[in-house]
């Protein structure tokens, strides 16, 4: 009876070991079949493709397409400035696409040698030593202090939505602006290279920005002020004041 019990025990151990080995071999083959070799990244502005890959493909299964897709499914991103969420889509077992959804930042201001980024509600999303591309510097905002994740202390609460609207229009029509200035009298001024563009108020602002690329093409290499205060779809009235040499 003792020998019979020992045999049963050894058989059980053998079966468990065989199952474990088979499971390990099966998982290893599965992992190898889903090892990512090709990665596409889209939607990224503030980070390079390599930076996004380094953020996403981390941990023990950081190169397994099956686990990456599930790790980032309906999961908000925390502790990554400028990024709201990221999705991983498996195109092939060895190929994935990382879709980056960035926060809708309106612009940035310079404060005490730092770049302070804020959204449409004036909430400070990031304070950084690095100036990011694709966002204009906003000048003319009066404030006394900056607190991360809190609203910039300004009297005009609608200003930030106007800034975001301008940023989105500039992006939509492919106009690069290094700075934008919202004056107390309602005038909007943007700075493109050596051209200062006075847009007047936000009346017909979409039409003004839509036609701005063609006007700037004609002013390439020139310095001065482009006056569009009275520009509309009917009059198309503009003037250019060259800078004093």
C-alpha atoms as a PDB file:
ATOM      1  CA  UNK A   1       0.000   0.000   0.000  1.00  0.00           C
ATOM      2  CA  UNK A   2       2.882   2.316   0.782  1.00  0.00           C
ATOM      3  CA  UNK A   3       4.436   1.697  -2.629  1.00  0.00           C
ATOM      4  CA  UNK A   4       1.046   2.303  -4.286  1.00  0.00           C
ATOM      5  CA  UNK A   5       0.688   5.674  -2.531  1.00  0.00           C
ATOM      6  CA  UNK A   6       4.218   6.681  -3.512  1.00  0.00           C
ATOM      7  CA  UNK A   7       3.544   5.762  -7.130  1.00  0.00           C
ATOM      8  CA  UNK A   8       0.345   7.811  -7.134  1.00  0.00           C
ATOM      9  CA  UNK A   9       2.235  10.751  -5.616  1.00  0.00           C
ATOM     10  CA  UNK A  10       4.994  10.537  -8.216  1.00  0.00           C
ATOM     11  CA  UNK A  11       2.454  10.273 -11.026  1.00  0.00           C
ATOM     12  CA  UNK A  12       0.661  13.366  -9.702  1.00  0.00           C
ATOM     13  CA  UNK A  13       3.955  15.260  -9.479  1.00  0.00           C
ATOM     14  CA  UNK A  14       4.817  14.182 -13.033  1.00  0.00           C
ATOM     15  CA  UNK A  15       1.438  15.293 -14.363  1.00  0.00           C
ATOM     16  CA  UNK A  16       1.673  18.669 -12.602  1.00  0.00           C
ATOM     17  CA  UNK A  17       5.221  19.157 -13.897  1.00  0.00           C
ATOM     18  CA  UNK A  18       4.164  18.190 -17.433  1.00  0.00           C
ATOM     19  CA  UNK A  19       1.254  20.624 -17.311  1.00  0.00           C
ATOM     20  CA  UNK A  20       3.571  23.343 -16.006  1.00  0.00           C
ATOM     21  CA  UNK A  21       6.152  22.727 -18.712  1.00  0.00           C
ATOM     22  CA  UNK A  22       3.506  22.599 -21.417  1.00  0.00           C
ATOM     23  CA  UNK A  23       1.980  25.796 -20.082  1.00  0.00           C
ATOM     24  CA  UNK A  24       5.362  27.506 -20.009  1.00  0.00           C
ATOM     25  CA  UNK A  25       6.184  26.419 -23.553  1.00  0.00           C
ATOM     26  CA  UNK A  26       2.744  27.493 -24.741  1.00  0.00           C
ATOM     27  CA  UNK A  27       2.996  30.876 -23.051  1.00  0.00           C
ATOM     28  CA  UNK A  28       6.538  31.389 -24.380  1.00  0.00           C
ATOM     29  CA  UNK A  29       5.369  30.677 -27.919  1.00  0.00           C
ATOM     30  CA  UNK A  30       2.387  33.002 -27.410  1.00  0.00           C
ATOM     31  CA  UNK A  31       4.655  35.747 -26.066  1.00  0.00           C
ATOM     32  CA  UNK A  32       7.106  35.343 -28.930  1.00  0.00           C
ATOM     33  CA  UNK A  33       4.291  35.477 -31.482  1.00  0.00           C
ATOM     34  CA  UNK A  34       3.055  38.749 -29.961  1.00  0.00           C
ATOM     35  CA  UNK A  35       6.433  40.419 -29.537  1.00  0.00           C
ATOM     36  CA  UNK A  36       6.181  43.931 -30.988  1.00  0.00           C
ATOM     37  CA  UNK A  37       8.642  44.726 -33.758  1.00  0.00           C
ATOM     38  CA  UNK A  38       6.820  47.599 -35.479  1.00  0.00           C
ATOM     39  CA  UNK A  39       5.218  50.606 -33.768  1.00  0.00           C
ATOM     40  CA  UNK A  40       3.255  53.475 -35.303  1.00  0.00           C
ATOM     41  CA  UNK A  41       2.544  56.606 -33.251  1.00  0.00           C
ATOM     42  CA  UNK A  42       0.033  59.326 -34.065  1.00  0.00           C
ATOM     43  CA  UNK A  43      -1.459  62.334 -32.286  1.00  0.00           C
ATOM     44  CA  UNK A  44       1.786  63.257 -30.538  1.00  0.00           C
ATOM     45  CA  UNK A  45       2.925  66.882 -30.582  1.00  0.00           C
ATOM     46  CA  UNK A  46       4.751  67.502 -27.321  1.00  0.00           C
ATOM     47  CA  UNK A  47       6.647  64.208 -27.275  1.00  0.00           C
ATOM     48  CA  UNK A  48       8.681  62.394 -29.923  1.00  0.00           C
ATOM     49  CA  UNK A  49       7.738  58.931 -31.158  1.00  0.00           C
ATOM     50  CA  UNK A  50      10.618  57.433 -29.208  1.00  0.00           C
ATOM     51  CA  UNK A  51       9.497  59.168 -26.003  1.00  0.00           C
ATOM     52  CA  UNK A  52       5.943  57.827 -26.449  1.00  0.00           C
ATOM     53  CA  UNK A  53       7.271  54.301 -27.062  1.00  0.00           C
ATOM     54  CA  UNK A  54       9.392  54.514 -23.896  1.00  0.00           C
ATOM     55  CA  UNK A  55       6.347  55.641 -21.891  1.00  0.00           C
ATOM     56  CA  UNK A  56       4.043  52.884 -23.198  1.00  0.00           C
ATOM     57  CA  UNK A  57       6.274  49.852 -23.641  1.00  0.00           C
ATOM     58  CA  UNK A  58       7.363  49.346 -20.051  1.00  0.00           C
ATOM     59  CA  UNK A  59       7.249  46.517 -17.548  1.00  0.00           C
ATOM     60  CA  UNK A  60       7.537  42.746 -17.915  1.00  0.00           C
ATOM     61  CA  UNK A  61       5.127  42.531 -20.843  1.00  0.00           C
ATOM     62  CA  UNK A  62       5.989  45.904 -22.310  1.00  0.00           C
ATOM     63  CA  UNK A  63       6.711  44.406 -25.734  1.00  0.00           C
ATOM     64  CA  UNK A  64       3.698  42.081 -25.900  1.00  0.00           C
ATOM     65  CA  UNK A  65       0.960  43.463 -28.164  1.00  0.00           C
ATOM     66  CA  UNK A  66      -1.813  41.444 -26.472  1.00  0.00           C
ATOM     67  CA  UNK A  67      -1.080  42.795 -22.993  1.00  0.00           C
ATOM     68  CA  UNK A  68      -0.330  46.347 -24.169  1.00  0.00           C
ATOM     69  CA  UNK A  69      -3.715  46.621 -25.870  1.00  0.00           C
ATOM     70  CA  UNK A  70      -5.489  45.580 -22.680  1.00  0.00           C
ATOM     71  CA  UNK A  71      -3.283  47.662 -20.388  1.00  0.00           C
ATOM     72  CA  UNK A  72      -4.255  50.891 -22.170  1.00  0.00           C
ATOM     73  CA  UNK A  73      -7.902  50.092 -22.878  1.00  0.00           C
ATOM     74  CA  UNK A  74     -10.125  52.845 -21.389  1.00  0.00           C
ATOM     75  CA  UNK A  75      -7.390  53.863 -18.983  1.00  0.00           C
ATOM     76  CA  UNK A  76      -6.687  57.551 -18.245  1.00  0.00           C
ATOM     77  CA  UNK A  77      -3.044  58.586 -18.177  1.00  0.00           C
ATOM     78  CA  UNK A  78      -1.605  60.009 -14.970  1.00  0.00           C
ATOM     79  CA  UNK A  79       1.682  61.797 -14.278  1.00  0.00           C
ATOM     80  CA  UNK A  80       2.450  62.484 -17.954  1.00  0.00           C
ATOM     81  CA  UNK A  81       2.167  66.215 -18.682  1.00  0.00           C
ATOM     82  CA  UNK A  82       0.179  67.203 -21.795  1.00  0.00           C
ATOM     83  CA  UNK A  83      -1.324  63.703 -22.285  1.00  0.00           C
ATOM     84  CA  UNK A  84      -4.961  62.916 -21.501  1.00  0.00           C
ATOM     85  CA  UNK A  85      -5.003  59.281 -22.639  1.00  0.00           C
ATOM     86  CA  UNK A  86      -3.355  56.794 -24.994  1.00  0.00           C
ATOM     87  CA  UNK A  87      -4.777  53.799 -26.855  1.00  0.00           C
ATOM     88  CA  UNK A  88      -2.880  50.803 -28.189  1.00  0.00           C
ATOM     89  CA  UNK A  89      -4.345  49.058 -31.231  1.00  0.00           C
ATOM     90  CA  UNK A  90      -2.991  45.738 -32.466  1.00  0.00           C
ATOM     91  CA  UNK A  91      -2.667  45.850 -36.268  1.00  0.00           C
ATOM     92  CA  UNK A  92      -0.790  42.547 -36.462  1.00  0.00           C
ATOM     93  CA  UNK A  93       0.487  40.317 -33.623  1.00  0.00           C
ATOM     94  CA  UNK A  94       3.871  42.041 -33.992  1.00  0.00           C
ATOM     95  CA  UNK A  95       2.594  45.498 -34.991  1.00  0.00           C
ATOM     96  CA  UNK A  96       0.803  48.105 -32.871  1.00  0.00           C
ATOM     97  CA  UNK A  97      -0.410  51.681 -33.239  1.00  0.00           C
ATOM     98  CA  UNK A  98      -0.218  54.050 -30.274  1.00  0.00           C
ATOM     99  CA  UNK A  99      -2.806  56.833 -30.477  1.00  0.00           C
ATOM    100  CA  UNK A 100      -1.972  59.805 -28.256  1.00  0.00           C
ATOM    101  CA  UNK A 101      -4.726  62.138 -27.065  1.00  0.00           C
ATOM    102  CA  UNK A 102      -3.180  65.290 -25.682  1.00  0.00           C
ATOM    103  CA  UNK A 103      -4.777  67.750 -23.315  1.00  0.00           C
ATOM    104  CA  UNK A 104      -6.404  70.770 -24.955  1.00  0.00           C
ATOM    105  CA  UNK A 105      -3.869  73.335 -23.805  1.00  0.00           C
ATOM    106  CA  UNK A 106      -4.537  76.933 -24.722  1.00  0.00           C
ATOM    107  CA  UNK A 107      -1.028  78.353 -24.465  1.00  0.00           C
ATOM    108  CA  UNK A 108       1.734  79.213 -22.071  1.00  0.00           C
ATOM    109  CA  UNK A 109       3.156  82.161 -20.194  1.00  0.00           C
ATOM    110  CA  UNK A 110       6.667  82.787 -18.960  1.00  0.00           C
ATOM    111  CA  UNK A 111       6.948  83.187 -15.211  1.00  0.00           C
ATOM    112  CA  UNK A 112      10.132  83.350 -13.158  1.00  0.00           C
ATOM    113  CA  UNK A 113      12.131  81.679 -15.894  1.00  0.00           C
ATOM    114  CA  UNK A 114       9.633  78.817 -16.284  1.00  0.00           C
ATOM    115  CA  UNK A 115       7.062  77.954 -18.942  1.00  0.00           C
ATOM    116  CA  UNK A 116       3.583  77.761 -17.441  1.00  0.00           C
ATOM    117  CA  UNK A 117       1.060  75.823 -19.567  1.00  0.00           C
ATOM    118  CA  UNK A 118      -2.673  76.306 -19.055  1.00  0.00           C
ATOM    119  CA  UNK A 119      -5.940  75.022 -20.516  1.00  0.00           C
ATOM    120  CA  UNK A 120      -9.180  76.696 -21.658  1.00  0.00           C
ATOM    121  CA  UNK A 121     -10.247  77.243 -18.052  1.00  0.00           C
ATOM    122  CA  UNK A 122      -6.945  78.830 -17.084  1.00  0.00           C
ATOM    123  CA  UNK A 123      -5.935  75.773 -15.048  1.00  0.00           C
ATOM    124  CA  UNK A 124      -2.172  75.361 -14.838  1.00  0.00           C
ATOM    125  CA  UNK A 125      -1.387  71.891 -16.227  1.00  0.00           C
ATOM    126  CA  UNK A 126       2.380  72.012 -16.200  1.00  0.00           C
ATOM    127  CA  UNK A 127       5.291  74.196 -15.142  1.00  0.00           C
ATOM    128  CA  UNK A 128       8.398  73.267 -17.101  1.00  0.00           C
ATOM    129  CA  UNK A 129      11.898  74.325 -18.050  1.00  0.00           C
ATOM    130  CA  UNK A 130      11.174  73.163 -21.598  1.00  0.00           C
ATOM    131  CA  UNK A 131       9.362  75.261 -24.192  1.00  0.00           C
ATOM    132  CA  UNK A 132       7.144  73.021 -26.269  1.00  0.00           C
ATOM    133  CA  UNK A 133       6.457  73.437 -29.959  1.00  0.00           C
ATOM    134  CA  UNK A 134       3.022  74.207 -31.370  1.00  0.00           C
ATOM    135  CA  UNK A 135       1.761  76.477 -28.602  1.00  0.00           C
ATOM    136  CA  UNK A 136       2.021  80.280 -28.553  1.00  0.00           C
ATOM    137  CA  UNK A 137       3.230  82.376 -25.690  1.00  0.00           C
ATOM    138  CA  UNK A 138       0.409  84.516 -24.314  1.00  0.00           C
ATOM    139  CA  UNK A 139       1.431  87.974 -23.174  1.00  0.00           C
ATOM    140  CA  UNK A 140      -0.523  90.685 -21.418  1.00  0.00           C
ATOM    141  CA  UNK A 141      -2.037  88.485 -18.684  1.00  0.00           C
ATOM    142  CA  UNK A 142      -1.803  90.085 -15.255  1.00  0.00           C
ATOM    143  CA  UNK A 143      -1.341  87.701 -12.316  1.00  0.00           C
ATOM    144  CA  UNK A 144       0.590  87.573  -9.057  1.00  0.00           C
ATOM    145  CA  UNK A 145       1.309  83.873  -8.544  1.00  0.00           C
ATOM    146  CA  UNK A 146       1.112  80.412 -10.139  1.00  0.00           C
ATOM    147  CA  UNK A 147      -0.093  77.218  -8.460  1.00  0.00           C
ATOM    148  CA  UNK A 148       0.020  73.909 -10.328  1.00  0.00           C
ATOM    149  CA  UNK A 149      -3.454  72.458 -11.104  1.00  0.00           C
ATOM    150  CA  UNK A 150      -5.152  75.673 -10.018  1.00  0.00           C
ATOM    151  CA  UNK A 151      -6.587  78.529 -12.064  1.00  0.00           C
ATOM    152  CA  UNK A 152      -4.393  81.474 -12.961  1.00  0.00           C
ATOM    153  CA  UNK A 153      -5.579  84.418 -10.837  1.00  0.00           C
ATOM    154  CA  UNK A 154      -6.929  86.831 -13.456  1.00  0.00           C
ATOM    155  CA  UNK A 155     -10.062  88.978 -13.525  1.00  0.00           C
ATOM    156  CA  UNK A 156     -11.123  88.054 -17.085  1.00  0.00           C
ATOM    157  CA  UNK A 157     -12.349  84.462 -16.798  1.00  0.00           C
ATOM    158  CA  UNK A 158     -13.351  84.299 -20.497  1.00  0.00           C
ATOM    159  CA  UNK A 159      -9.845  85.134 -21.667  1.00  0.00           C
ATOM    160  CA  UNK A 160      -8.602  81.550 -21.584  1.00  0.00           C
ATOM    161  CA  UNK A 161     -11.398  80.253 -23.812  1.00  0.00           C
ATOM    162  CA  UNK A 162     -10.532  82.997 -26.294  1.00  0.00           C
ATOM    163  CA  UNK A 163      -6.878  81.940 -26.152  1.00  0.00           C
ATOM    164  CA  UNK A 164      -7.785  78.288 -26.813  1.00  0.00           C
ATOM    165  CA  UNK A 165     -10.076  79.283 -29.693  1.00  0.00           C
ATOM    166  CA  UNK A 166      -7.249  81.276 -31.260  1.00  0.00           C
ATOM    167  CA  UNK A 167      -4.760  78.431 -30.769  1.00  0.00           C
ATOM    168  CA  UNK A 168      -7.138  75.970 -32.429  1.00  0.00           C
ATOM    169  CA  UNK A 169      -7.821  78.321 -35.360  1.00  0.00           C
ATOM    170  CA  UNK A 170      -4.113  78.888 -35.924  1.00  0.00           C
ATOM    171  CA  UNK A 171      -3.541  75.137 -35.916  1.00  0.00           C
ATOM    172  CA  UNK A 172      -6.521  74.506 -38.195  1.00  0.00           C
ATOM    173  CA  UNK A 173      -5.271  76.902 -40.871  1.00  0.00           C
ATOM    174  CA  UNK A 174      -1.584  76.165 -40.456  1.00  0.00           C
ATOM    175  CA  UNK A 175      -0.520  79.549 -39.118  1.00  0.00           C
ATOM    176  CA  UNK A 176       2.519  79.532 -36.854  1.00  0.00           C
ATOM    177  CA  UNK A 177       2.422  82.191 -34.162  1.00  0.00           C
ATOM    178  CA  UNK A 178       5.149  82.620 -31.591  1.00  0.00           C
ATOM    179  CA  UNK A 179       3.100  84.972 -29.416  1.00  0.00           C
ATOM    180  CA  UNK A 180      -0.429  86.293 -28.999  1.00  0.00           C
ATOM    181  CA  UNK A 181      -1.531  89.371 -27.132  1.00  0.00           C
ATOM    182  CA  UNK A 182      -5.089  90.029 -25.922  1.00  0.00           C
ATOM    183  CA  UNK A 183      -5.355  93.742 -25.214  1.00  0.00           C
ATOM    184  CA  UNK A 184      -7.700  95.274 -22.662  1.00  0.00           C
ATOM    185  CA  UNK A 185      -9.679  96.976 -25.453  1.00  0.00           C
ATOM    186  CA  UNK A 186     -10.518  93.607 -27.033  1.00  0.00           C
ATOM    187  CA  UNK A 187      -7.934  93.710 -29.812  1.00  0.00           C
ATOM    188  CA  UNK A 188      -6.011  90.544 -30.604  1.00  0.00           C
ATOM    189  CA  UNK A 189      -2.435  90.756 -31.845  1.00  0.00           C
ATOM    190  CA  UNK A 190      -0.362  87.781 -32.946  1.00  0.00           C
ATOM    191  CA  UNK A 191       3.319  87.614 -33.796  1.00  0.00           C
ATOM    192  CA  UNK A 192       4.517  85.566 -36.773  1.00  0.00           C
ATOM    193  CA  UNK A 193       8.277  85.759 -37.291  1.00  0.00           C
ATOM    194  CA  UNK A 194       8.953  89.441 -38.073  1.00  0.00           C
ATOM    195  CA  UNK A 195       5.331  90.309 -38.823  1.00  0.00           C
ATOM    196  CA  UNK A 196       2.998  91.717 -36.184  1.00  0.00           C
ATOM    197  CA  UNK A 197      -0.637  90.995 -37.085  1.00  0.00           C
ATOM    198  CA  UNK A 198      -3.348  93.206 -35.639  1.00  0.00           C
ATOM    199  CA  UNK A 199      -6.588  91.239 -35.979  1.00  0.00           C
ATOM    200  CA  UNK A 200      -8.798  93.789 -34.263  1.00  0.00           C
ATOM    201  CA  UNK A 201     -11.563  92.189 -32.192  1.00  0.00           C
ATOM    202  CA  UNK A 202     -12.714  88.595 -32.528  1.00  0.00           C
ATOM    203  CA  UNK A 203     -15.409  89.644 -35.023  1.00  0.00           C
ATOM    204  CA  UNK A 204     -15.047  87.465 -38.157  1.00  0.00           C
ATOM    205  CA  UNK A 205     -11.959  85.965 -36.552  1.00  0.00           C
ATOM    206  CA  UNK A 206     -12.386  82.633 -38.336  1.00  0.00           C
ATOM    207  CA  UNK A 207     -12.420  84.353 -41.738  1.00  0.00           C
ATOM    208  CA  UNK A 208      -9.393  86.453 -40.834  1.00  0.00           C
ATOM    209  CA  UNK A 209      -7.298  83.474 -39.775  1.00  0.00           C
ATOM    210  CA  UNK A 210      -8.482  81.406 -42.740  1.00  0.00           C
ATOM    211  CA  UNK A 211      -7.118  84.019 -45.157  1.00  0.00           C
ATOM    212  CA  UNK A 212      -3.988  84.788 -43.181  1.00  0.00           C
ATOM    213  CA  UNK A 213      -1.680  82.132 -44.738  1.00  0.00           C
ATOM    214  CA  UNK A 214      -1.997  83.639 -48.228  1.00  0.00           C
ATOM    215  CA  UNK A 215      -1.294  87.128 -46.875  1.00  0.00           C
ATOM    216  CA  UNK A 216       1.764  85.952 -44.971  1.00  0.00           C
ATOM    217  CA  UNK A 217       3.120  84.188 -48.044  1.00  0.00           C
ATOM    218  CA  UNK A 218       3.170  87.564 -49.809  1.00  0.00           C
ATOM    219  CA  UNK A 219       5.025  89.104 -46.850  1.00  0.00           C
ATOM    220  CA  UNK A 220       7.709  86.452 -46.518  1.00  0.00           C
ATOM    221  CA  UNK A 221      11.016  87.978 -45.482  1.00  0.00           C
ATOM    222  CA  UNK A 222       9.444  91.344 -44.659  1.00  0.00           C
ATOM    223  CA  UNK A 223       9.180  93.142 -41.322  1.00  0.00           C
ATOM    224  CA  UNK A 224       6.276  95.262 -40.173  1.00  0.00           C
ATOM    225  CA  UNK A 225       2.645  95.295 -39.075  1.00  0.00           C
ATOM    226  CA  UNK A 226      -0.192  93.663 -40.980  1.00  0.00           C
ATOM    227  CA  UNK A 227      -3.427  95.471 -40.156  1.00  0.00           C
ATOM    228  CA  UNK A 228      -6.576  93.356 -40.396  1.00  0.00           C
ATOM    229  CA  UNK A 229      -8.829  95.227 -37.969  1.00  0.00           C
ATOM    230  CA  UNK A 230     -11.415  95.949 -40.677  1.00  0.00           C
ATOM    231  CA  UNK A 231     -11.019  92.745 -42.660  1.00  0.00           C
ATOM    232  CA  UNK A 232     -14.149  90.762 -43.501  1.00  0.00           C
ATOM    233  CA  UNK A 233     -15.319  88.462 -46.263  1.00  0.00           C
ATOM    234  CA  UNK A 234     -16.691  91.337 -48.333  1.00  0.00           C
ATOM    235  CA  UNK A 235     -14.137  94.142 -47.994  1.00  0.00           C
ATOM    236  CA  UNK A 236     -10.968  92.043 -47.530  1.00  0.00           C
ATOM    237  CA  UNK A 237      -9.426  95.290 -46.327  1.00  0.00           C
ATOM    238  CA  UNK A 238      -5.826  95.006 -45.148  1.00  0.00           C
ATOM    239  CA  UNK A 239      -2.754  97.213 -45.030  1.00  0.00           C
ATOM    240  CA  UNK A 240       0.884  96.646 -44.245  1.00  0.00           C
ATOM    241  CA  UNK A 241       3.118  99.094 -42.419  1.00  0.00           C
ATOM    242  CA  UNK A 242       6.779  98.200 -43.023  1.00  0.00           C
ATOM    243  CA  UNK A 243       9.069  98.448 -40.042  1.00  0.00           C
ATOM    244  CA  UNK A 244      11.542 101.341 -40.000  1.00  0.00           C
ATOM    245  CA  UNK A 245      14.914 100.265 -41.312  1.00  0.00           C
END
